[in-house]
Amino acid sequence: MKAFLIYLVWPNPGNASYGSPKIQILLVACALLILLSFTMSFWRRNMRNPVTKRLSRTWPSAAFWFGLIGLVLVVSRVESIGFLAMRLWWVILAAVGALYLFLQYRIFRARHYQQMPREFTDDPREKYLPRKKK
């Protein structure tokens, strides 16, 4: 267990370059998150359902920040910036991302609804019927 913790918090893991396939995949994934944030923002502007629009308010900014933080972590790993190159930050970022996705899923399932169109009947007798007192 101690060796695993040392593996996670080692300040300068080294052996990373921009030519490594892992680093390239991480860079592409982080860049895709940033692009996805702009796409989600555009999608929200054109949305007609006010409930979905309100519930998806934080999605673009969260995707942008997760992508940006991931880019910073990847570049700091390649450039050997000690404190930011620790593997522990990736574990924390993944845990926060998973928690964010879980909470957003639960909130969306609990609060999402669609307003059904109301049918109004025009009854001429209604104005003569008794009403509730105010």
C-alpha atoms as a PDB file:
ATOM      1  CA  MET A   1       0.000   0.000   0.000  1.00  0.00           C
ATOM      2  CA  LYS A   2       2.847   2.343   0.834  1.00  0.00           C
ATOM      3  CA  ALA A   3       4.454   1.741  -2.554  1.00  0.00           C
ATOM      4  CA  PHE A   4       1.164   2.608  -4.283  1.00  0.00           C
ATOM      5  CA  LEU A   5       0.845   5.886  -2.356  1.00  0.00           C
ATOM      6  CA  ILE A   6       4.431   6.768  -3.217  1.00  0.00           C
ATOM      7  CA  TYR A   7       3.622   5.951  -6.851  1.00  0.00           C
ATOM      8  CA  LEU A   8       0.682   8.388  -6.745  1.00  0.00           C
ATOM      9  CA  VAL A   9       2.407  11.307  -5.027  1.00  0.00           C
ATOM     10  CA  TRP A  10       5.866  11.084  -6.574  1.00  0.00           C
ATOM     11  CA  PRO A  11       6.546  14.737  -7.483  1.00  0.00           C
ATOM     12  CA  ASN A  12       8.263  14.199 -10.831  1.00  0.00           C
ATOM     13  CA  PRO A  13       7.386  10.877 -12.501  1.00  0.00           C
ATOM     14  CA  GLY A  14       9.371  11.709 -15.640  1.00  0.00           C
ATOM     15  CA  ASN A  15       9.516   9.490 -18.761  1.00  0.00           C
ATOM     16  CA  ALA A  16       6.802  11.434 -20.619  1.00  0.00           C
ATOM     17  CA  SER A  17       7.122  13.166 -23.971  1.00  0.00           C
ATOM     18  CA  TYR A  18       4.734  14.660 -26.485  1.00  0.00           C
ATOM     19  CA  GLY A  19       5.455  11.742 -28.815  1.00  0.00           C
ATOM     20  CA  SER A  20       4.068   9.190 -26.358  1.00  0.00           C
ATOM     21  CA  PRO A  21       0.698   7.720 -27.419  1.00  0.00           C
ATOM     22  CA  LYS A  22      -0.713   8.083 -23.881  1.00  0.00           C
ATOM     23  CA  ILE A  23       0.124  11.779 -23.800  1.00  0.00           C
ATOM     24  CA  GLN A  24      -1.320  12.313 -27.274  1.00  0.00           C
ATOM     25  CA  ILE A  25      -4.559  10.542 -26.305  1.00  0.00           C
ATOM     26  CA  LEU A  26      -4.850  12.663 -23.159  1.00  0.00           C
ATOM     27  CA  LEU A  27      -4.195  15.872 -25.110  1.00  0.00           C
ATOM     28  CA  VAL A  28      -6.841  14.957 -27.686  1.00  0.00           C
ATOM     29  CA  ALA A  29      -9.353  13.989 -24.970  1.00  0.00           C
ATOM     30  CA  CYS A  30      -8.837  17.278 -23.126  1.00  0.00           C
ATOM     31  CA  ALA A  31      -9.093  19.287 -26.340  1.00  0.00           C
ATOM     32  CA  LEU A  32     -12.301  17.410 -27.203  1.00  0.00           C
ATOM     33  CA  LEU A  33     -13.751  18.323 -23.812  1.00  0.00           C
ATOM     34  CA  ILE A  34     -13.041  21.985 -24.509  1.00  0.00           C
ATOM     35  CA  LEU A  35     -14.621  21.738 -27.975  1.00  0.00           C
ATOM     36  CA  LEU A  36     -17.569  19.880 -26.472  1.00  0.00           C
ATOM     37  CA  SER A  37     -18.127  22.778 -24.071  1.00  0.00           C
ATOM     38  CA  PHE A  38     -18.551  25.196 -26.973  1.00  0.00           C
ATOM     39  CA  THR A  39     -20.847  22.741 -28.751  1.00  0.00           C
ATOM     40  CA  MET A  40     -22.994  22.319 -25.643  1.00  0.00           C
ATOM     41  CA  SER A  41     -23.191  26.084 -25.229  1.00  0.00           C
ATOM     42  CA  PHE A  42     -24.454  26.442 -28.795  1.00  0.00           C
ATOM     43  CA  TRP A  43     -26.900  23.563 -28.236  1.00  0.00           C
ATOM     44  CA  ARG A  44     -28.282  25.234 -25.111  1.00  0.00           C
ATOM     45  CA  ARG A  45     -28.856  28.532 -26.917  1.00  0.00           C
ATOM     46  CA  ASN A  46     -31.067  26.796 -29.472  1.00  0.00           C
ATOM     47  CA  MET A  47     -32.975  24.689 -26.943  1.00  0.00           C
ATOM     48  CA  ARG A  48     -36.744  25.143 -26.666  1.00  0.00           C
ATOM     49  CA  ASN A  49     -37.472  23.185 -23.472  1.00  0.00           C
ATOM     50  CA  PRO A  50     -36.915  25.562 -20.509  1.00  0.00           C
ATOM     51  CA  VAL A  51     -36.577  22.738 -17.958  1.00  0.00           C
ATOM     52  CA  THR A  52     -33.790  20.999 -19.865  1.00  0.00           C
ATOM     53  CA  LYS A  53     -32.148  24.348 -20.533  1.00  0.00           C
ATOM     54  CA  ARG A  54     -32.108  25.191 -16.827  1.00  0.00           C
ATOM     55  CA  LEU A  55     -30.856  21.743 -15.767  1.00  0.00           C
ATOM     56  CA  SER A  56     -28.024  21.742 -18.328  1.00  0.00           C
ATOM     57  CA  ARG A  57     -26.795  25.201 -17.365  1.00  0.00           C
ATOM     58  CA  THR A  58     -23.489  24.037 -15.829  1.00  0.00           C
ATOM     59  CA  TRP A  59     -22.559  21.412 -18.414  1.00  0.00           C
ATOM     60  CA  PRO A  60     -20.588  23.640 -20.832  1.00  0.00           C
ATOM     61  CA  SER A  61     -18.546  25.338 -18.125  1.00  0.00           C
ATOM     62  CA  ALA A  62     -17.818  22.036 -16.367  1.00  0.00           C
ATOM     63  CA  ALA A  63     -16.628  20.423 -19.609  1.00  0.00           C
ATOM     64  CA  PHE A  64     -14.428  23.451 -20.332  1.00  0.00           C
ATOM     65  CA  TRP A  65     -12.814  23.427 -16.897  1.00  0.00           C
ATOM     66  CA  PHE A  66     -12.266  19.668 -16.818  1.00  0.00           C
ATOM     67  CA  GLY A  67     -10.630  19.897 -20.250  1.00  0.00           C
ATOM     68  CA  LEU A  68      -8.483  22.879 -19.283  1.00  0.00           C
ATOM     69  CA  ILE A  69      -7.341  21.305 -16.013  1.00  0.00           C
ATOM     70  CA  GLY A  70      -6.528  18.096 -17.894  1.00  0.00           C
ATOM     71  CA  LEU A  71      -4.430  20.054 -20.417  1.00  0.00           C
ATOM     72  CA  VAL A  72      -2.539  21.753 -17.592  1.00  0.00           C
ATOM     73  CA  LEU A  73      -1.863  18.397 -15.938  1.00  0.00           C
ATOM     74  CA  VAL A  74      -0.657  16.811 -19.193  1.00  0.00           C
ATOM     75  CA  VAL A  75       1.659  19.705 -20.052  1.00  0.00           C
ATOM     76  CA  SER A  76       3.017  19.853 -16.505  1.00  0.00           C
ATOM     77  CA  ARG A  77       3.765  16.133 -16.669  1.00  0.00           C
ATOM     78  CA  VAL A  78       5.654  16.437 -19.948  1.00  0.00           C
ATOM     79  CA  GLU A  79       7.477  19.587 -18.897  1.00  0.00           C
ATOM     80  CA  SER A  80       8.356  18.023 -15.493  1.00  0.00           C
ATOM     81  CA  ILE A  81       6.704  20.625 -13.291  1.00  0.00           C
ATOM     82  CA  GLY A  82       7.081  18.859  -9.960  1.00  0.00           C
ATOM     83  CA  PHE A  83       3.980  19.460  -7.863  1.00  0.00           C
ATOM     84  CA  LEU A  84       1.517  19.427 -10.789  1.00  0.00           C
ATOM     85  CA  ALA A  85       3.020  16.316 -12.382  1.00  0.00           C
ATOM     86  CA  MET A  86       1.866  14.015  -9.572  1.00  0.00           C
ATOM     87  CA  ARG A  87      -0.426  11.186 -10.614  1.00  0.00           C
ATOM     88  CA  LEU A  88      -2.603  11.932  -7.608  1.00  0.00           C
ATOM     89  CA  TRP A  89      -4.076  14.968  -9.400  1.00  0.00           C
ATOM     90  CA  TRP A  90      -5.401  12.694 -12.156  1.00  0.00           C
ATOM     91  CA  VAL A  91      -7.057  10.492  -9.544  1.00  0.00           C
ATOM     92  CA  ILE A  92      -8.621  13.539  -7.895  1.00  0.00           C
ATOM     93  CA  LEU A  93      -9.746  14.951 -11.261  1.00  0.00           C
ATOM     94  CA  ALA A  94     -11.325  11.615 -12.220  1.00  0.00           C
ATOM     95  CA  ALA A  95     -13.069  11.311  -8.843  1.00  0.00           C
ATOM     96  CA  VAL A  96     -14.464  14.847  -9.045  1.00  0.00           C
ATOM     97  CA  GLY A  97     -15.570  14.230 -12.641  1.00  0.00           C
ATOM     98  CA  ALA A  98     -17.315  10.993 -11.698  1.00  0.00           C
ATOM     99  CA  LEU A  99     -19.019  12.689  -8.748  1.00  0.00           C
ATOM    100  CA  TYR A 100     -20.131  15.575 -10.976  1.00  0.00           C
ATOM    101  CA  LEU A 101     -21.566  13.184 -13.582  1.00  0.00           C
ATOM    102  CA  PHE A 102     -23.349  11.139 -10.911  1.00  0.00           C
ATOM    103  CA  LEU A 103     -24.906  14.205  -9.266  1.00  0.00           C
ATOM    104  CA  GLN A 104     -25.945  15.694 -12.602  1.00  0.00           C
ATOM    105  CA  TYR A 105     -27.563  12.391 -13.586  1.00  0.00           C
ATOM    106  CA  ARG A 106     -29.481  12.207 -10.309  1.00  0.00           C
ATOM    107  CA  ILE A 107     -30.600  15.841 -10.468  1.00  0.00           C
ATOM    108  CA  PHE A 108     -31.627  15.508 -14.107  1.00  0.00           C
ATOM    109  CA  ARG A 109     -33.653  12.361 -13.423  1.00  0.00           C
ATOM    110  CA  ALA A 110     -35.333  13.913 -10.376  1.00  0.00           C
ATOM    111  CA  ARG A 111     -36.208  17.329 -11.818  1.00  0.00           C
ATOM    112  CA  HIS A 112     -36.716  16.854 -15.527  1.00  0.00           C
ATOM    113  CA  TYR A 113     -40.260  16.996 -16.776  1.00  0.00           C
ATOM    114  CA  GLN A 114     -42.103  18.129 -19.873  1.00  0.00           C
ATOM    115  CA  GLN A 115     -45.073  20.405 -19.809  1.00  0.00           C
ATOM    116  CA  MET A 116     -47.998  18.764 -21.486  1.00  0.00           C
ATOM    117  CA  PRO A 117     -50.192  20.972 -23.640  1.00  0.00           C
ATOM    118  CA  ARG A 118     -53.413  21.871 -21.894  1.00  0.00           C
ATOM    119  CA  GLU A 119     -56.734  21.356 -23.545  1.00  0.00           C
ATOM    120  CA  PHE A 120     -59.213  24.109 -22.869  1.00  0.00           C
ATOM    121  CA  THR A 121     -62.862  23.481 -23.387  1.00  0.00           C
ATOM    122  CA  ASP A 122     -65.023  26.462 -24.070  1.00  0.00           C
ATOM    123  CA  ASP A 123     -68.139  25.685 -22.101  1.00  0.00           C
ATOM    124  CA  PRO A 124     -70.779  28.410 -22.299  1.00  0.00           C
ATOM    125  CA  ARG A 125     -72.372  27.146 -19.055  1.00  0.00           C
ATOM    126  CA  GLU A 126     -69.224  27.793 -17.045  1.00  0.00           C
ATOM    127  CA  LYS A 127     -69.918  31.462 -16.385  1.00  0.00           C
ATOM    128  CA  TYR A 128     -73.212  30.508 -14.699  1.00  0.00           C
ATOM    129  CA  LEU A 129     -71.819  27.769 -12.472  1.00  0.00           C
ATOM    130  CA  PRO A 130     -70.828  28.499  -8.873  1.00  0.00           C
ATOM    131  CA  ARG A 131     -67.171  29.278  -8.223  1.00  0.00           C
ATOM    132  CA  LYS A 132     -64.839  29.049  -5.254  1.00  0.00           C
ATOM    133  CA  LYS A 133     -65.028  31.981  -2.899  1.00  0.00           C
ATOM    134  CA  LYS A 134     -61.871  33.998  -2.558  1.00  0.00           C
END
